[in-house]
Amino acid sequence: MQVVILAGGLGTRLRPITEHIPKPMVPIHNRPFLDYLIVFLRDSGFTTFLLLVGHLRHKIISHFGDGKSLGVHISYAEETTPLGNGGALRAAFEQLDDVFLLLYGDTYLPIDYHDFTRCFLDSQKRAAVAVYRYRDSTDRGDDAAHNLCVDDEGLVIDFNQQGIASANAYVESGALALKKETVSLLPERHENSLGSVLFPALIAGRELQAYVTNKRFYDIGTPVRLQKAMDYFKVLQ
């Protein structure tokens, strides 16, 4: 299955680091963060990647090239003006496979992606999202609040980036599975986000399956989260 990775954001909350380094390339113990993600997926059996690149994209392209050095195949969709993650995905429509994984280039989620895709395909929904519930306030730290609600059938029924207070609330964990046709819900050539456009449309049609995992995700969106990711990968080495 094709793996599409969103890797074009500006990384404003990590400045000044990201003024000269694209966020997915921020070094973690002398390796780019994105390297850990691609290698994990490769070792899980995924070998075809499409990177959606924008800010300082030449640094990502020059580092990974066609992916041969990692034993994978990498192609690129280049964003010349900021379109948001939804806009970047819509612009890459012609390069997408009929079914694909969509991951954030600044988030590492060590789940069984084959099980995730099976859950998605068995659901017969248009999309699936991996979700996680924080164990406590220490587990959350400064990470995003629980931002979606899941019903008893395993469907996402509400999404609010500012947070949801519910016994059935979870946080989006940085991994989705999608049918290509679903991407057509996003407007062409307009800046937009998955959260503001795609999620509401899928929820309204009861087409967003939740995949609940107890695996913690690690993102590098802020200095505090970056340090947490560094601590995690240090233990793995």
Protein backbone atom coordinates (compact mmCIF):
# COMPACT_ATOMS: atom_id res chain seq x y z
CA MET A 1 0.00 0.00 0.00
CA GLN A 2 1.18 3.51 -0.81
CA VAL A 3 2.24 5.68 2.13
CA VAL A 4 1.65 9.42 1.69
CA ILE A 5 3.48 11.68 4.14
CA LEU A 6 2.62 15.33 4.76
CA ALA A 7 6.00 17.06 4.92
CA GLY A 8 5.45 20.60 3.69
CA GLY A 9 4.53 22.64 6.75
CA LEU A 10 6.37 25.75 7.94
CA GLY A 11 6.98 24.50 11.49
CA THR A 12 6.44 27.96 12.96
CA ARG A 13 6.33 26.77 16.57
CA LEU A 14 9.84 25.32 16.21
CA ARG A 15 11.48 28.51 14.99
CA PRO A 16 14.32 29.38 14.78
CA ILE A 17 15.22 25.72 14.08
CA THR A 18 12.81 25.48 11.16
CA GLU A 19 13.98 28.68 9.50
CA HIS A 20 16.73 26.62 7.88
CA ILE A 21 15.53 23.02 8.33
CA PRO A 22 12.12 21.65 7.28
CA LYS A 23 10.35 20.32 10.36
CA PRO A 24 10.42 16.63 9.31
CA MET A 25 14.20 16.94 8.91
CA VAL A 26 14.88 18.21 12.44
CA PRO A 27 17.69 16.00 13.78
CA ILE A 28 16.97 13.44 16.47
CA HIS A 29 20.25 11.92 17.68
CA ASN A 30 21.96 12.82 14.39
CA ARG A 31 19.18 11.44 12.17
CA PRO A 32 16.31 13.37 10.58
CA PHE A 33 13.01 12.72 12.33
CA LEU A 34 11.43 11.63 9.04
CA ASP A 35 14.10 8.98 8.65
CA TYR A 36 12.80 7.15 11.73
CA LEU A 37 9.27 7.14 10.33
CA ILE A 38 10.21 5.86 6.88
CA VAL A 39 12.48 3.15 8.28
CA PHE A 40 9.78 1.95 10.70
CA LEU A 41 7.31 1.65 7.83
CA ARG A 42 9.88 -0.03 5.59
CA ASP A 43 10.58 -2.59 8.29
CA SER A 44 6.83 -3.14 8.51
CA GLY A 45 6.72 -4.00 4.80
CA PHE A 46 5.75 -0.68 3.21
CA THR A 47 8.05 0.36 0.37
CA THR A 48 6.19 2.92 -1.76
CA PHE A 49 6.14 6.51 -0.50
CA LEU A 50 4.84 9.84 -1.75
CA LEU A 51 6.16 12.84 0.16
CA LEU A 52 4.13 16.06 -0.02
CA VAL A 53 6.82 18.70 0.34
CA GLY A 54 6.82 22.49 0.45
CA HIS A 55 8.89 24.60 2.86
CA LEU A 56 12.62 24.02 2.16
CA ARG A 57 11.59 21.00 0.09
CA HIS A 58 14.96 20.77 -1.63
CA LYS A 59 16.52 19.64 1.65
CA ILE A 60 14.11 16.73 1.94
CA ILE A 61 14.50 15.76 -1.70
CA SER A 62 18.30 15.95 -1.64
CA HIS A 63 18.47 13.82 1.51
CA PHE A 64 16.11 11.00 0.53
CA GLY A 65 16.30 11.14 -3.26
CA ASP A 66 14.43 8.24 -4.82
CA GLY A 67 14.65 6.26 -1.59
CA LYS A 68 17.00 3.62 -2.96
CA SER A 69 19.50 4.10 -0.12
CA LEU A 70 16.76 3.05 2.32
CA GLY A 71 15.47 0.23 0.17
CA VAL A 72 12.21 1.99 -0.72
CA HIS A 73 10.76 4.00 -3.60
CA ILE A 74 10.07 7.68 -2.91
CA SER A 75 8.35 10.18 -5.19
CA TYR A 76 7.35 13.77 -4.45
CA ALA A 77 4.50 16.22 -4.86
CA GLU A 78 5.95 19.72 -4.61
CA GLU A 79 3.94 22.58 -3.13
CA THR A 80 5.12 25.98 -4.38
CA THR A 81 2.69 28.05 -2.29
CA PRO A 82 1.33 27.07 1.15
CA LEU A 83 -1.93 25.14 0.81
CA GLY A 84 -2.30 23.58 4.26
CA ASN A 85 -2.31 19.82 4.69
CA GLY A 86 -5.69 19.44 3.01
CA GLY A 87 -4.75 21.62 0.06
CA ALA A 88 -1.44 19.80 -0.41
CA LEU A 89 -3.22 16.44 -0.45
CA ARG A 90 -5.80 17.66 -2.97
CA ALA A 91 -3.06 19.04 -5.22
CA ALA A 92 -1.40 15.60 -5.27
CA PHE A 93 -4.63 13.84 -6.33
CA GLU A 94 -3.26 12.42 -9.59
CA GLN A 95 -0.33 10.80 -7.77
CA LEU A 96 -2.45 8.96 -5.21
CA ASP A 97 -3.24 5.25 -5.29
CA ASP A 98 -6.86 4.16 -4.95
CA VAL A 99 -6.27 3.35 -1.25
CA PHE A 100 -3.39 4.76 0.78
CA LEU A 101 -2.03 5.55 4.21
CA LEU A 102 -1.70 9.22 5.13
CA LEU A 103 0.80 10.16 7.84
CA TYR A 104 2.08 13.41 9.30
CA GLY A 105 5.77 13.98 8.71
CA ASP A 106 6.23 15.38 12.20
CA THR A 107 4.54 12.49 14.05
CA TYR A 108 5.81 9.00 14.86
CA LEU A 109 3.18 6.41 15.72
CA PRO A 110 4.56 2.86 16.17
CA ILE A 111 1.43 0.80 15.49
CA ASP A 112 0.79 -2.30 13.38
CA TYR A 113 -0.10 -0.53 10.14
CA HIS A 114 -1.24 -3.76 8.51
CA ASP A 115 -3.81 -4.20 11.27
CA PHE A 116 -4.80 -0.56 10.84
CA THR A 117 -5.39 -0.99 7.12
CA ARG A 118 -7.36 -4.21 7.73
CA CYS A 119 -9.59 -2.33 10.15
CA PHE A 120 -10.13 0.36 7.53
CA LEU A 121 -10.89 -2.03 4.68
CA ASP A 122 -13.20 -4.19 6.82
CA SER A 123 -15.15 -1.10 7.88
CA GLN A 124 -15.99 -0.26 4.25
CA LYS A 125 -15.86 3.41 5.22
CA ARG A 126 -14.23 6.17 3.19
CA ALA A 127 -11.55 6.82 5.81
CA ALA A 128 -10.12 5.64 9.12
CA VAL A 129 -8.10 7.48 11.74
CA ALA A 130 -5.88 6.13 14.52
CA VAL A 131 -6.88 7.51 17.92
CA TYR A 132 -5.37 7.39 21.40
CA ARG A 133 -6.58 8.22 24.90
CA TYR A 134 -4.15 9.91 27.28
CA ARG A 135 -3.62 7.98 30.50
CA ASP A 136 -3.37 11.16 32.59
CA SER A 137 -2.25 14.79 32.47
CA THR A 138 1.41 13.76 32.70
CA ASP A 139 1.00 11.53 29.64
CA ARG A 140 -0.53 14.41 27.72
CA GLY A 141 2.00 17.10 28.63
CA ASP A 142 1.57 19.96 26.14
CA ASP A 143 0.26 17.67 23.40
CA ALA A 144 -3.07 18.32 21.71
CA ALA A 145 -6.22 17.82 23.76
CA HIS A 146 -8.62 14.94 23.14
CA ASN A 147 -10.18 16.27 19.95
CA LEU A 148 -12.62 13.68 18.66
CA CYS A 149 -15.46 11.56 19.99
CA VAL A 150 -16.10 7.92 19.08
CA ASP A 151 -19.48 6.19 19.35
CA ASP A 152 -20.23 2.59 20.35
CA GLU A 153 -19.95 1.46 16.74
CA GLY A 154 -16.40 2.78 16.47
CA LEU A 155 -17.27 5.75 14.28
CA VAL A 156 -15.99 9.27 14.85
CA ILE A 157 -19.04 11.42 15.56
CA ASP A 158 -17.45 14.74 16.55
CA PHE A 159 -14.19 16.61 15.99
CA ASN A 160 -13.04 19.82 17.63
CA GLN A 161 -9.41 20.92 17.48
CA GLN A 162 -9.89 22.95 20.67
CA GLY A 163 -10.78 19.84 22.63
CA ILE A 164 -13.72 17.63 23.57
CA ALA A 165 -14.80 16.75 27.11
CA SER A 166 -16.41 13.32 26.91
CA ALA A 167 -15.95 9.82 28.29
CA ASN A 168 -15.59 8.70 24.67
CA ALA A 169 -13.03 11.34 23.69
CA TYR A 170 -9.69 10.53 22.06
CA VAL A 171 -6.91 12.39 20.31
CA GLU A 172 -6.03 11.99 16.64
CA SER A 173 -2.69 10.18 16.54
CA GLY A 174 -1.25 11.17 13.17
CA ALA A 175 -2.29 8.28 10.91
CA LEU A 176 -5.18 7.92 8.49
CA ALA A 177 -6.20 5.47 5.79
CA LEU A 178 -8.16 6.86 2.87
CA LYS A 179 -9.79 6.01 -0.40
CA LYS A 180 -8.57 8.28 -3.18
CA GLU A 181 -12.14 9.31 -3.99
CA THR A 182 -12.40 10.79 -0.49
CA VAL A 183 -9.79 13.42 -1.36
CA SER A 184 -12.20 14.93 -3.88
CA LEU A 185 -14.12 16.31 -0.87
CA LEU A 186 -11.31 18.84 -0.50
CA PRO A 187 -11.49 22.03 -2.61
CA GLU A 188 -8.95 22.44 -5.41
CA ARG A 189 -6.23 25.09 -5.29
CA HIS A 190 -7.32 26.45 -1.90
CA GLU A 191 -5.52 26.49 1.42
CA ASN A 192 -7.39 24.25 3.84
CA SER A 193 -6.83 21.63 6.50
CA LEU A 194 -8.03 18.10 7.01
CA GLY A 195 -9.55 19.13 10.32
CA SER A 196 -11.56 22.04 8.96
CA VAL A 197 -12.84 20.44 5.75
CA LEU A 198 -12.36 16.69 5.42
CA PHE A 199 -13.15 15.49 8.93
CA PRO A 200 -16.47 17.37 9.21
CA ALA A 201 -17.61 16.04 5.82
CA LEU A 202 -16.74 12.45 6.72
CA ILE A 203 -18.34 12.71 10.16
CA ALA A 204 -21.55 14.11 8.68
CA GLY A 205 -21.79 11.07 6.42
CA ARG A 206 -20.74 8.59 9.14
CA GLU A 207 -17.75 7.66 7.02
CA LEU A 208 -14.83 8.04 9.47
CA GLN A 209 -13.83 4.84 11.25
CA ALA A 210 -11.80 5.07 14.47
CA TYR A 211 -8.89 2.72 15.11
CA VAL A 212 -8.25 2.80 18.85
CA THR A 213 -4.66 2.13 19.88
CA ASN A 214 -2.82 2.13 23.20
CA LYS A 215 0.39 3.08 21.43
CA ARG A 216 1.63 6.57 22.28
CA PHE A 217 2.44 8.91 19.40
CA TYR A 218 5.39 11.32 19.39
CA ASP A 219 5.34 14.55 17.45
CA ILE A 220 7.86 17.37 17.24
CA GLY A 221 5.49 20.31 16.85
CA THR A 222 6.85 22.28 19.82
CA PRO A 223 10.17 22.38 21.71
CA VAL A 224 8.62 20.41 24.60
CA ARG A 225 7.31 17.71 22.28
CA LEU A 226 10.61 17.61 20.43
CA GLN A 227 12.40 16.86 23.69
CA LYS A 228 9.88 14.13 24.49
CA ALA A 229 10.55 12.55 21.10
CA MET A 230 14.30 12.75 21.68
CA ASP A 231 13.88 10.96 25.00
CA TYR A 232 11.78 8.25 23.34
CA PHE A 233 14.25 7.54 20.54
CA LYS A 234 17.20 7.61 22.93
CA VAL A 235 15.68 4.67 24.80
CA LEU A 236 15.23 2.78 21.52
CA GLN A 237 18.87 3.15 20.50
